[in-house]
Amino acid sequence: AVSYDRTYWDARGCSEGFAEDLLTAREDLPSRATTRQCVARLRTISW
């Protein structure tokens, strides 16, 4: 069903510092903008 196999994702997730770099990414990066949009939408609905 997907264009990349599981070994790619396992290797990416386990690469040295990959997760840590994303978790400490600057607030002005576009990935953080996406998460902020999701959080804003979630504040408007009941769940």
ModelCIF file with pLDDT and N, C-alpha, C, O atoms, coordinates in Angstrom:
data_MODEL
#
_entry.id   MODEL 
#
_entity.id                         1 
_entity.type                       polymer 
_entity.pdbx_number_of_molecules   1 
#
_entity_poly.entity_id                      1 
_entity_poly.type                           'polypeptide(L)' 
_entity_poly.nstd_linkage                   no 
_entity_poly.nstd_monomer                   no 
_entity_poly.pdbx_seq_one_letter_code       AVSYDRTYWDARGCSEGFAEDLLTAREDLPSRATTRQCVARLRTISW 
_entity_poly.pdbx_seq_one_letter_code_can   AVSYDRTYWDARGCSEGFAEDLLTAREDLPSRATTRQCVARLRTISW 
_entity_poly.pdbx_strand_id                 A 
#
loop_
_entity_poly_seq.entity_id 
_entity_poly_seq.num 
_entity_poly_seq.mon_id 
_entity_poly_seq.hetero 
1 1  ALA n 
1 2  VAL n 
1 3  SER n 
1 4  TYR n 
1 5  ASP n 
1 6  ARG n 
1 7  THR n 
1 8  TYR n 
1 9  TRP n 
1 10 ASP n 
1 11 ALA n 
1 12 ARG n 
1 13 GLY n 
1 14 CYS n 
1 15 SER n 
1 16 GLU n 
1 17 GLY n 
1 18 PHE n 
1 19 ALA n 
1 20 GLU n 
1 21 ASP n 
1 22 LEU n 
1 23 LEU n 
1 24 THR n 
1 25 ALA n 
1 26 ARG n 
1 27 GLU n 
1 28 ASP n 
1 29 LEU n 
1 30 PRO n 
1 31 SER n 
1 32 ARG n 
1 33 ALA n 
1 34 THR n 
1 35 THR n 
1 36 ARG n 
1 37 GLN n 
1 38 CYS n 
1 39 VAL n 
1 40 ALA n 
1 41 ARG n 
1 42 LEU n 
1 43 ARG n 
1 44 THR n 
1 45 ILE n 
1 46 SER n 
1 47 TRP n 
#
_struct_asym.id          A 
_struct_asym.entity_id   1 
#
loop_
_ma_qa_metric.id 
_ma_qa_metric.mode 
_ma_qa_metric.name 
_ma_qa_metric.software_group_id 
_ma_qa_metric.type 
1 global pLDDT . pLDDT 
2 local  pLDDT . pLDDT 
#
_ma_qa_metric_global.metric_id      1 
_ma_qa_metric_global.metric_value   70.21 
_ma_qa_metric_global.model_id       1 
_ma_qa_metric_global.ordinal_id     1 
#
loop_
_ma_qa_metric_local.label_asym_id 
_ma_qa_metric_local.label_comp_id 
_ma_qa_metric_local.label_seq_id 
_ma_qa_metric_local.metric_id 
_ma_qa_metric_local.metric_value 
_ma_qa_metric_local.model_id 
_ma_qa_metric_local.ordinal_id 
A ALA 1  2 55.00 1 1  
A VAL 2  2 55.00 1 2  
A SER 3  2 50.00 1 3  
A TYR 4  2 55.00 1 4  
A ASP 5  2 62.00 1 5  
A ARG 6  2 64.00 1 6  
A THR 7  2 70.00 1 7  
A TYR 8  2 67.00 1 8  
A TRP 9  2 62.00 1 9  
A ASP 10 2 66.00 1 10 
A ALA 11 2 68.00 1 11 
A ARG 12 2 64.00 1 12 
A GLY 13 2 63.00 1 13 
A CYS 14 2 63.00 1 14 
A SER 15 2 59.00 1 15 
A GLU 16 2 51.00 1 16 
A GLY 17 2 52.00 1 17 
A PHE 18 2 52.00 1 18 
A ALA 19 2 53.00 1 19 
A GLU 20 2 51.00 1 20 
A ASP 21 2 51.00 1 21 
A LEU 22 2 55.00 1 22 
A LEU 23 2 56.00 1 23 
A THR 24 2 56.00 1 24 
A ALA 25 2 53.00 1 25 
A ARG 26 2 55.00 1 26 
A GLU 27 2 57.00 1 27 
A ASP 28 2 62.00 1 28 
A LEU 29 2 68.00 1 29 
A PRO 30 2 70.00 1 30 
A SER 31 2 75.00 1 31 
A ARG 32 2 77.00 1 32 
A ALA 33 2 80.00 1 33 
A THR 34 2 87.00 1 34 
A THR 35 2 87.00 1 35 
A ARG 36 2 87.00 1 36 
A GLN 37 2 90.00 1 37 
A CYS 38 2 94.00 1 38 
A VAL 39 2 94.00 1 39 
A ALA 40 2 94.00 1 40 
A ARG 41 2 95.00 1 41 
A LEU 42 2 97.00 1 42 
A ARG 43 2 97.00 1 43 
A THR 44 2 95.00 1 44 
A ILE 45 2 94.00 1 45 
A SER 46 2 95.00 1 46 
A TRP 47 2 97.00 1 47 
#
loop_
_atom_site.group_PDB 
_atom_site.id 
_atom_site.type_symbol 
_atom_site.label_atom_id 
_atom_site.label_alt_id 
_atom_site.label_comp_id 
_atom_site.label_asym_id 
_atom_site.label_entity_id 
_atom_site.label_seq_id 
_atom_site.pdbx_PDB_ins_code 
_atom_site.Cartn_x 
_atom_site.Cartn_y 
_atom_site.Cartn_z 
_atom_site.occupancy 
_atom_site.B_iso_or_equiv 
_atom_site.pdbx_formal_charge 
_atom_site.auth_seq_id 
_atom_site.auth_comp_id 
_atom_site.auth_asym_id 
_atom_site.auth_atom_id 
_atom_site.pdbx_PDB_model_num 
ATOM 1   N N  . ALA A 1 1  ? 0.815   -1.216 0.000  1.00 55.00 ? 1  ALA A N  1 
ATOM 2   C CA . ALA A 1 1  ? 0.000   0.000  0.000  1.00 55.00 ? 1  ALA A CA 1 
ATOM 3   C C  . ALA A 1 1  ? 0.842   1.257  0.000  1.00 55.00 ? 1  ALA A C  1 
ATOM 4   O O  . ALA A 1 1  ? 0.331   2.331  -0.316 1.00 55.00 ? 1  ALA A O  1 
ATOM 5   N N  . VAL A 1 2  ? 2.126   1.161  0.346  1.00 55.00 ? 2  VAL A N  1 
ATOM 6   C CA . VAL A 1 2  ? 2.945   2.355  0.511  1.00 55.00 ? 2  VAL A CA 1 
ATOM 7   C C  . VAL A 1 2  ? 4.134   2.334  -0.439 1.00 55.00 ? 2  VAL A C  1 
ATOM 8   O O  . VAL A 1 2  ? 4.536   1.285  -0.943 1.00 55.00 ? 2  VAL A O  1 
ATOM 9   N N  . SER A 1 3  ? 4.691   3.541  -0.672 1.00 50.00 ? 3  SER A N  1 
ATOM 10  C CA . SER A 1 3  ? 5.779   3.656  -1.633 1.00 50.00 ? 3  SER A CA 1 
ATOM 11  C C  . SER A 1 3  ? 7.146   3.363  -1.023 1.00 50.00 ? 3  SER A C  1 
ATOM 12  O O  . SER A 1 3  ? 8.101   3.129  -1.764 1.00 50.00 ? 3  SER A O  1 
ATOM 13  N N  . TYR A 1 4  ? 7.269   3.370  0.299  1.00 55.00 ? 4  TYR A N  1 
ATOM 14  C CA . TYR A 1 4  ? 8.542   3.047  0.963  1.00 55.00 ? 4  TYR A CA 1 
ATOM 15  C C  . TYR A 1 4  ? 8.291   1.849  1.870  1.00 55.00 ? 4  TYR A C  1 
ATOM 16  O O  . TYR A 1 4  ? 7.241   1.770  2.509  1.00 55.00 ? 4  TYR A O  1 
ATOM 17  N N  . ASP A 1 5  ? 9.238   0.914  1.936  1.00 62.00 ? 5  ASP A N  1 
ATOM 18  C CA . ASP A 1 5  ? 8.994   -0.256 2.765  1.00 62.00 ? 5  ASP A CA 1 
ATOM 19  C C  . ASP A 1 5  ? 9.385   0.012  4.221  1.00 62.00 ? 5  ASP A C  1 
ATOM 20  O O  . ASP A 1 5  ? 9.947   1.058  4.547  1.00 62.00 ? 5  ASP A O  1 
ATOM 21  N N  . ARG A 1 6  ? 9.079   -0.939 5.070  1.00 64.00 ? 6  ARG A N  1 
ATOM 22  C CA . ARG A 1 6  ? 9.263   -0.764 6.513  1.00 64.00 ? 6  ARG A CA 1 
ATOM 23  C C  . ARG A 1 6  ? 10.722  -0.593 6.905  1.00 64.00 ? 6  ARG A C  1 
ATOM 24  O O  . ARG A 1 6  ? 11.032  0.098  7.876  1.00 64.00 ? 6  ARG A O  1 
ATOM 25  N N  . THR A 1 7  ? 11.622  -1.223 6.147  1.00 70.00 ? 7  THR A N  1 
ATOM 26  C CA . THR A 1 7  ? 13.036  -1.107 6.495  1.00 70.00 ? 7  THR A CA 1 
ATOM 27  C C  . THR A 1 7  ? 13.524  0.330  6.390  1.00 70.00 ? 7  THR A C  1 
ATOM 28  O O  . THR A 1 7  ? 14.393  0.748  7.156  1.00 70.00 ? 7  THR A O  1 
ATOM 29  N N  . TYR A 1 8  ? 12.969  1.095  5.441  1.00 67.00 ? 8  TYR A N  1 
ATOM 30  C CA . TYR A 1 8  ? 13.330  2.508  5.312  1.00 67.00 ? 8  TYR A CA 1 
ATOM 31  C C  . TYR A 1 8  ? 12.951  3.270  6.576  1.00 67.00 ? 8  TYR A C  1 
ATOM 32  O O  . TYR A 1 8  ? 13.753  4.032  7.116  1.00 67.00 ? 8  TYR A O  1 
ATOM 33  N N  . TRP A 1 9  ? 11.721  3.057  7.045  1.00 62.00 ? 9  TRP A N  1 
ATOM 34  C CA . TRP A 1 9  ? 11.237  3.802  8.216  1.00 62.00 ? 9  TRP A CA 1 
ATOM 35  C C  . TRP A 1 9  ? 11.951  3.364  9.484  1.00 62.00 ? 9  TRP A C  1 
ATOM 36  O O  . TRP A 1 9  ? 12.262  4.191  10.342 1.00 62.00 ? 9  TRP A O  1 
ATOM 37  N N  . ASP A 1 10 ? 12.210  2.077  9.606  1.00 66.00 ? 10 ASP A N  1 
ATOM 38  C CA . ASP A 1 10 ? 12.951  1.600  10.768 1.00 66.00 ? 10 ASP A CA 1 
ATOM 39  C C  . ASP A 1 10 ? 14.348  2.218  10.803 1.00 66.00 ? 10 ASP A C  1 
ATOM 40  O O  . ASP A 1 10 ? 14.822  2.642  11.857 1.00 66.00 ? 10 ASP A O  1 
ATOM 41  N N  . ALA A 1 11 ? 14.999  2.266  9.645  1.00 68.00 ? 11 ALA A N  1 
ATOM 42  C CA . ALA A 1 11 ? 16.350  2.825  9.588  1.00 68.00 ? 11 ALA A CA 1 
ATOM 43  C C  . ALA A 1 11 ? 16.330  4.325  9.866  1.00 68.00 ? 11 ALA A C  1 
ATOM 44  O O  . ALA A 1 11 ? 17.201  4.833  10.572 1.00 68.00 ? 11 ALA A O  1 
ATOM 45  N N  . ARG A 1 12 ? 15.349  5.038  9.320  1.00 64.00 ? 12 ARG A N  1 
ATOM 46  C CA . ARG A 1 12 ? 15.274  6.482  9.537  1.00 64.00 ? 12 ARG A CA 1 
ATOM 47  C C  . ARG A 1 12 ? 15.001  6.796  10.997 1.00 64.00 ? 12 ARG A C  1 
ATOM 48  O O  . ARG A 1 12 ? 15.610  7.698  11.572 1.00 64.00 ? 12 ARG A O  1 
ATOM 49  N N  . GLY A 1 13 ? 14.087  6.053  11.590 1.00 63.00 ? 13 GLY A N  1 
ATOM 50  C CA . GLY A 1 13 ? 13.743  6.314  12.985 1.00 63.00 ? 13 GLY A CA 1 
ATOM 51  C C  . GLY A 1 13 ? 14.856  5.988  13.952 1.00 63.00 ? 13 GLY A C  1 
ATOM 52  O O  . GLY A 1 13 ? 14.926  6.561  15.040 1.00 63.00 ? 13 GLY A O  1 
ATOM 53  N N  . CYS A 1 14 ? 15.731  5.068  13.563 1.00 63.00 ? 14 CYS A N  1 
ATOM 54  C CA . CYS A 1 14 ? 16.809  4.663  14.461 1.00 63.00 ? 14 CYS A CA 1 
ATOM 55  C C  . CYS A 1 14 ? 18.129  5.362  14.166 1.00 63.00 ? 14 CYS A C  1 
ATOM 56  O O  . CYS A 1 14 ? 19.114  5.148  14.872 1.00 63.00 ? 14 CYS A O  1 
ATOM 57  N N  . SER A 1 15 ? 18.159  6.195  13.129 1.00 59.00 ? 15 SER A N  1 
ATOM 58  C CA . SER A 1 15 ? 19.411  6.874  12.803 1.00 59.00 ? 15 SER A CA 1 
ATOM 59  C C  . SER A 1 15 ? 19.803  7.814  13.941 1.00 59.00 ? 15 SER A C  1 
ATOM 60  O O  . SER A 1 15 ? 18.945  8.384  14.615 1.00 59.00 ? 15 SER A O  1 
ATOM 61  N N  . GLU A 1 16 ? 21.089  7.964  14.139 1.00 51.00 ? 16 GLU A N  1 
ATOM 62  C CA . GLU A 1 16 ? 21.617  8.722  15.264 1.00 51.00 ? 16 GLU A CA 1 
ATOM 63  C C  . GLU A 1 16 ? 21.113  10.163 15.252 1.00 51.00 ? 16 GLU A C  1 
ATOM 64  O O  . GLU A 1 16 ? 21.368  10.909 14.306 1.00 51.00 ? 16 GLU A O  1 
ATOM 65  N N  . GLY A 1 17 ? 20.398  10.549 16.306 1.00 52.00 ? 17 GLY A N  1 
ATOM 66  C CA . GLY A 1 17 ? 19.971  11.928 16.474 1.00 52.00 ? 17 GLY A CA 1 
ATOM 67  C C  . GLY A 1 17 ? 18.751  12.340 15.683 1.00 52.00 ? 17 GLY A C  1 
ATOM 68  O O  . GLY A 1 17 ? 18.327  13.492 15.784 1.00 52.00 ? 17 GLY A O  1 
ATOM 69  N N  . PHE A 1 18 ? 18.153  11.429 14.880 1.00 52.00 ? 18 PHE A N  1 
ATOM 70  C CA . PHE A 1 18 ? 17.024  11.817 14.033 1.00 52.00 ? 18 PHE A CA 1 
ATOM 71  C C  . PHE A 1 18 ? 15.838  12.300 14.855 1.00 52.00 ? 18 PHE A C  1 
ATOM 72  O O  . PHE A 1 18 ? 15.328  13.397 14.629 1.00 52.00 ? 18 PHE A O  1 
ATOM 73  N N  . ALA A 1 19 ? 15.401  11.489 15.800 1.00 53.00 ? 19 ALA A N  1 
ATOM 74  C CA . ALA A 1 19 ? 14.255  11.868 16.626 1.00 53.00 ? 19 ALA A CA 1 
ATOM 75  C C  . ALA A 1 19 ? 14.561  13.098 17.463 1.00 53.00 ? 19 ALA A C  1 
ATOM 76  O O  . ALA A 1 19 ? 13.727  13.994 17.591 1.00 53.00 ? 19 ALA A O  1 
ATOM 77  N N  . GLU A 1 20 ? 15.757  13.141 18.031 1.00 51.00 ? 20 GLU A N  1 
ATOM 78  C CA . GLU A 1 20 ? 16.127  14.269 18.888 1.00 51.00 ? 20 GLU A CA 1 
ATOM 79  C C  . GLU A 1 20 ? 16.133  15.581 18.105 1.00 51.00 ? 20 GLU A C  1 
ATOM 80  O O  . GLU A 1 20 ? 15.714  16.618 18.619 1.00 51.00 ? 20 GLU A O  1 
ATOM 81  N N  . ASP A 1 21 ? 16.611  15.531 16.862 1.00 51.00 ? 21 ASP A N  1 
ATOM 82  C CA . ASP A 1 21 ? 16.643  16.743 16.044 1.00 51.00 ? 21 ASP A CA 1 
ATOM 83  C C  . ASP A 1 21 ? 15.238  17.258 15.759 1.00 51.00 ? 21 ASP A C  1 
ATOM 84  O O  . ASP A 1 21 ? 15.001  18.465 15.799 1.00 51.00 ? 21 ASP A O  1 
ATOM 85  N N  . LEU A 1 22 ? 14.310  16.359 15.474 1.00 55.00 ? 22 LEU A N  1 
ATOM 86  C CA . LEU A 1 22 ? 12.944  16.789 15.200 1.00 55.00 ? 22 LEU A CA 1 
ATOM 87  C C  . LEU A 1 22 ? 12.263  17.342 16.446 1.00 55.00 ? 22 LEU A C  1 
ATOM 88  O O  . LEU A 1 22 ? 11.519  18.320 16.369 1.00 55.00 ? 22 LEU A O  1 
ATOM 89  N N  . LEU A 1 23 ? 12.514  16.728 17.574 1.00 56.00 ? 23 LEU A N  1 
ATOM 90  C CA . LEU A 1 23 ? 11.872  17.169 18.805 1.00 56.00 ? 23 LEU A CA 1 
ATOM 91  C C  . LEU A 1 23 ? 12.389  18.529 19.268 1.00 56.00 ? 23 LEU A C  1 
ATOM 92  O O  . LEU A 1 23 ? 11.683  19.251 19.973 1.00 56.00 ? 23 LEU A O  1 
ATOM 93  N N  . THR A 1 24 ? 13.593  18.879 18.886 1.00 56.00 ? 24 THR A N  1 
ATOM 94  C CA . THR A 1 24 ? 14.162  20.160 19.301 1.00 56.00 ? 24 THR A CA 1 
ATOM 95  C C  . THR A 1 24 ? 14.173  21.174 18.155 1.00 56.00 ? 24 THR A C  1 
ATOM 96  O O  . THR A 1 24 ? 14.863  22.191 18.230 1.00 56.00 ? 24 THR A O  1 
ATOM 97  N N  . ALA A 1 25 ? 13.406  20.896 17.094 1.00 53.00 ? 25 ALA A N  1 
ATOM 98  C CA . ALA A 1 25 ? 13.379  21.785 15.932 1.00 53.00 ? 25 ALA A CA 1 
ATOM 99  C C  . ALA A 1 25 ? 12.851  23.164 16.318 1.00 53.00 ? 25 ALA A C  1 
ATOM 100 O O  . ALA A 1 25 ? 12.040  23.304 17.233 1.00 53.00 ? 25 ALA A O  1 
ATOM 101 N N  . ARG A 1 26 ? 13.325  24.165 15.610 1.00 55.00 ? 26 ARG A N  1 
ATOM 102 C CA . ARG A 1 26 ? 12.909  25.538 15.879 1.00 55.00 ? 26 ARG A CA 1 
ATOM 103 C C  . ARG A 1 26 ? 11.424  25.710 15.629 1.00 55.00 ? 26 ARG A C  1 
ATOM 104 O O  . ARG A 1 26 ? 10.841  25.028 14.787 1.00 55.00 ? 26 ARG A O  1 
ATOM 105 N N  . GLU A 1 27 ? 10.824  26.620 16.361 1.00 57.00 ? 27 GLU A N  1 
ATOM 106 C CA . GLU A 1 27 ? 9.393   26.853 16.240 1.00 57.00 ? 27 GLU A CA 1 
ATOM 107 C C  . GLU A 1 27 ? 9.010   27.434 14.881 1.00 57.00 ? 27 GLU A C  1 
ATOM 108 O O  . GLU A 1 27 ? 7.854   27.318 14.474 1.00 57.00 ? 27 GLU A O  1 
ATOM 109 N N  . ASP A 1 28 ? 9.956   28.057 14.167 1.00 62.00 ? 28 ASP A N  1 
ATOM 110 C CA . ASP A 1 28 ? 9.621   28.668 12.884 1.00 62.00 ? 28 ASP A CA 1 
ATOM 111 C C  . ASP A 1 28 ? 9.713   27.695 11.718 1.00 62.00 ? 28 ASP A C  1 
ATOM 112 O O  . ASP A 1 28 ? 9.475   28.090 10.577 1.00 62.00 ? 28 ASP A O  1 
ATOM 113 N N  . LEU A 1 29 ? 10.049  26.441 11.971 1.00 68.00 ? 29 LEU A N  1 
ATOM 114 C CA . LEU A 1 29 ? 10.110  25.470 10.892 1.00 68.00 ? 29 LEU A CA 1 
ATOM 115 C C  . LEU A 1 29 ? 8.696   25.087 10.449 1.00 68.00 ? 29 LEU A C  1 
ATOM 116 O O  . LEU A 1 29 ? 7.771   25.096 11.261 1.00 68.00 ? 29 LEU A O  1 
ATOM 117 N N  . PRO A 1 30 ? 8.521   24.749 9.159  1.00 70.00 ? 30 PRO A N  1 
ATOM 118 C CA . PRO A 1 30 ? 7.171   24.466 8.658  1.00 70.00 ? 30 PRO A CA 1 
ATOM 119 C C  . PRO A 1 30 ? 6.480   23.288 9.330  1.00 70.00 ? 30 PRO A C  1 
ATOM 120 O O  . PRO A 1 30 ? 5.256   23.295 9.464  1.00 70.00 ? 30 PRO A O  1 
ATOM 121 N N  . SER A 1 31 ? 7.234   22.277 9.757  1.00 75.00 ? 31 SER A N  1 
ATOM 122 C CA . SER A 1 31 ? 6.590   21.141 10.431 1.00 75.00 ? 31 SER A CA 1 
ATOM 123 C C  . SER A 1 31 ? 5.903   21.583 11.715 1.00 75.00 ? 31 SER A C  1 
ATOM 124 O O  . SER A 1 31 ? 4.843   21.064 12.065 1.00 75.00 ? 31 SER A O  1 
ATOM 125 N N  . ARG A 1 32 ? 6.504   22.541 12.416 1.00 77.00 ? 32 ARG A N  1 
ATOM 126 C CA . ARG A 1 32 ? 5.870   23.060 13.629 1.00 77.00 ? 32 ARG A CA 1 
ATOM 127 C C  . ARG A 1 32 ? 4.621   23.876 13.287 1.00 77.00 ? 32 ARG A C  1 
ATOM 128 O O  . ARG A 1 32 ? 3.649   23.878 14.043 1.00 77.00 ? 32 ARG A O  1 
ATOM 129 N N  . ALA A 1 33 ? 4.652   24.568 12.143 1.00 80.00 ? 33 ALA A N  1 
ATOM 130 C CA . ALA A 1 33 ? 3.462   25.320 11.716 1.00 80.00 ? 33 ALA A CA 1 
ATOM 131 C C  . ALA A 1 33 ? 2.286   24.387 11.497 1.00 80.00 ? 33 ALA A C  1 
ATOM 132 O O  . ALA A 1 33 ? 1.151   24.725 11.830 1.00 80.00 ? 33 ALA A O  1 
ATOM 133 N N  . THR A 1 34 ? 2.551   23.214 10.939 1.00 87.00 ? 34 THR A N  1 
ATOM 134 C CA . THR A 1 34 ? 1.497   22.235 10.723 1.00 87.00 ? 34 THR A CA 1 
ATOM 135 C C  . THR A 1 34 ? 0.914   21.754 12.042 1.00 87.00 ? 34 THR A C  1 
ATOM 136 O O  . THR A 1 34 ? -0.306  21.679 12.191 1.00 87.00 ? 34 THR A O  1 
ATOM 137 N N  . THR A 1 35 ? 1.763   21.434 12.985 1.00 87.00 ? 35 THR A N  1 
ATOM 138 C CA . THR A 1 35 ? 1.275   20.970 14.281 1.00 87.00 ? 35 THR A CA 1 
ATOM 139 C C  . THR A 1 35 ? 0.473   22.052 14.979 1.00 87.00 ? 35 THR A C  1 
ATOM 140 O O  . THR A 1 35 ? -0.547  21.765 15.606 1.00 87.00 ? 35 THR A O  1 
ATOM 141 N N  . ARG A 1 36 ? 0.925   23.290 14.876 1.00 87.00 ? 36 ARG A N  1 
ATOM 142 C CA . ARG A 1 36 ? 0.166   24.388 15.490 1.00 87.00 ? 36 ARG A CA 1 
ATOM 143 C C  . ARG A 1 36 ? -1.220  24.521 14.871 1.00 87.00 ? 36 ARG A C  1 
ATOM 144 O O  . ARG A 1 36 ? -2.191  24.792 15.578 1.00 87.00 ? 36 ARG A O  1 
ATOM 145 N N  . GLN A 1 37 ? -1.318  24.333 13.563 1.00 90.00 ? 37 GLN A N  1 
ATOM 146 C CA . GLN A 1 37 ? -2.624  24.370 12.901 1.00 90.00 ? 37 GLN A CA 1 
ATOM 147 C C  . GLN A 1 37 ? -3.529  23.260 13.423 1.00 90.00 ? 37 GLN A C  1 
ATOM 148 O O  . GLN A 1 37 ? -4.714  23.483 13.671 1.00 90.00 ? 37 GLN A O  1 
ATOM 149 N N  . CYS A 1 38 ? -2.970  22.067 13.589 1.00 94.00 ? 38 CYS A N  1 
ATOM 150 C CA . CYS A 1 38 ? -3.761  20.941 14.098 1.00 94.00 ? 38 CYS A CA 1 
ATOM 151 C C  . CYS A 1 38 ? -4.242  21.216 15.520 1.00 94.00 ? 38 CYS A C  1 
ATOM 152 O O  . CYS A 1 38 ? -5.404  20.971 15.845 1.00 94.00 ? 38 CYS A O  1 
ATOM 153 N N  . VAL A 1 39 ? -3.357  21.718 16.356 1.00 94.00 ? 39 VAL A N  1 
ATOM 154 C CA . VAL A 1 39 ? -3.734  22.041 17.733 1.00 94.00 ? 39 VAL A CA 1 
ATOM 155 C C  . VAL A 1 39 ? -4.833  23.090 17.745 1.00 94.00 ? 39 VAL A C  1 
ATOM 156 O O  . VAL A 1 39 ? -5.779  22.982 18.526 1.00 94.00 ? 39 VAL A O  1 
ATOM 157 N N  . ALA A 1 40 ? -4.727  24.102 16.893 1.00 94.00 ? 40 ALA A N  1 
ATOM 158 C CA . ALA A 1 40 ? -5.744  25.160 16.841 1.00 94.00 ? 40 ALA A CA 1 
ATOM 159 C C  . ALA A 1 40 ? -7.099  24.595 16.440 1.00 94.00 ? 40 ALA A C  1 
ATOM 160 O O  . ALA A 1 40 ? -8.123  24.975 17.009 1.00 94.00 ? 40 ALA A O  1 
ATOM 161 N N  . ARG A 1 41 ? -7.114  23.686 15.463 1.00 95.00 ? 41 ARG A N  1 
ATOM 162 C CA . ARG A 1 41 ? -8.382  23.084 15.053 1.00 95.00 ? 41 ARG A CA 1 
ATOM 163 C C  . ARG A 1 41 ? -8.953  22.206 16.165 1.00 95.00 ? 41 ARG A C  1 
ATOM 164 O O  . ARG A 1 41 ? -10.164 22.200 16.387 1.00 95.00 ? 41 ARG A O  1 
ATOM 165 N N  . LEU A 1 42 ? -8.109  21.481 16.849 1.00 97.00 ? 42 LEU A N  1 
ATOM 166 C CA . LEU A 1 42 ? -8.573  20.610 17.923 1.00 97.00 ? 42 LEU A CA 1 
ATOM 167 C C  . LEU A 1 42 ? -9.181  21.398 19.077 1.00 97.00 ? 42 LEU A C  1 
ATOM 168 O O  . LEU A 1 42 ? -10.032 20.881 19.800 1.00 97.00 ? 42 LEU A O  1 
ATOM 169 N N  . ARG A 1 43 ? -8.760  22.622 19.251 1.00 97.00 ? 43 ARG A N  1 
ATOM 170 C CA . ARG A 1 43 ? -9.337  23.463 20.313 1.00 97.00 ? 43 ARG A CA 1 
ATOM 171 C C  . ARG A 1 43 ? -10.760 23.910 19.972 1.00 97.00 ? 43 ARG A C  1 
ATOM 172 O O  . ARG A 1 43 ? -11.479 24.386 20.851 1.00 97.00 ? 43 ARG A O  1 
ATOM 173 N N  . THR A 1 44 ? -11.172 23.768 18.731 1.00 95.00 ? 44 THR A N  1 
ATOM 174 C CA . THR A 1 44 ? -12.500 24.238 18.309 1.00 95.00 ? 44 THR A CA 1 
ATOM 175 C C  . THR A 1 44 ? -13.544 23.136 18.294 1.00 95.00 ? 44 THR A C  1 
ATOM 176 O O  . THR A 1 44 ? -14.721 23.411 18.063 1.00 95.00 ? 44 THR A O  1 
ATOM 177 N N  . ILE A 1 45 ? -13.137 21.884 18.539 1.00 94.00 ? 45 ILE A N  1 
ATOM 178 C CA . ILE A 1 45 ? -14.090 20.785 18.478 1.00 94.00 ? 45 ILE A CA 1 
ATOM 179 C C  . ILE A 1 45 ? -14.104 20.036 19.806 1.00 94.00 ? 45 ILE A C  1 
ATOM 180 O O  . ILE A 1 45 ? -13.178 20.138 20.611 1.00 94.00 ? 45 ILE A O  1 
ATOM 181 N N  . SER A 1 46 ? -15.181 19.281 20.011 1.00 95.00 ? 46 SER A N  1 
ATOM 182 C CA . SER A 1 46 ? -15.314 18.486 21.232 1.00 95.00 ? 46 SER A CA 1 
ATOM 183 C C  . SER A 1 46 ? -14.770 17.084 20.973 1.00 95.00 ? 46 SER A C  1 
ATOM 184 O O  . SER A 1 46 ? -15.197 16.411 20.035 1.00 95.00 ? 46 SER A O  1 
ATOM 185 N N  . TRP A 1 47 ? -13.829 16.648 21.805 1.00 97.00 ? 47 TRP A N  1 
ATOM 186 C CA . TRP A 1 47 ? -13.262 15.316 21.642 1.00 97.00 ? 47 TRP A CA 1 
ATOM 187 C C  . TRP A 1 47 ? -12.588 14.873 22.932 1.00 97.00 ? 47 TRP A C  1 
ATOM 188 O O  . TRP A 1 47 ? -12.046 13.770 22.998 1.00 97.00 ? 47 TRP A O  1 
#
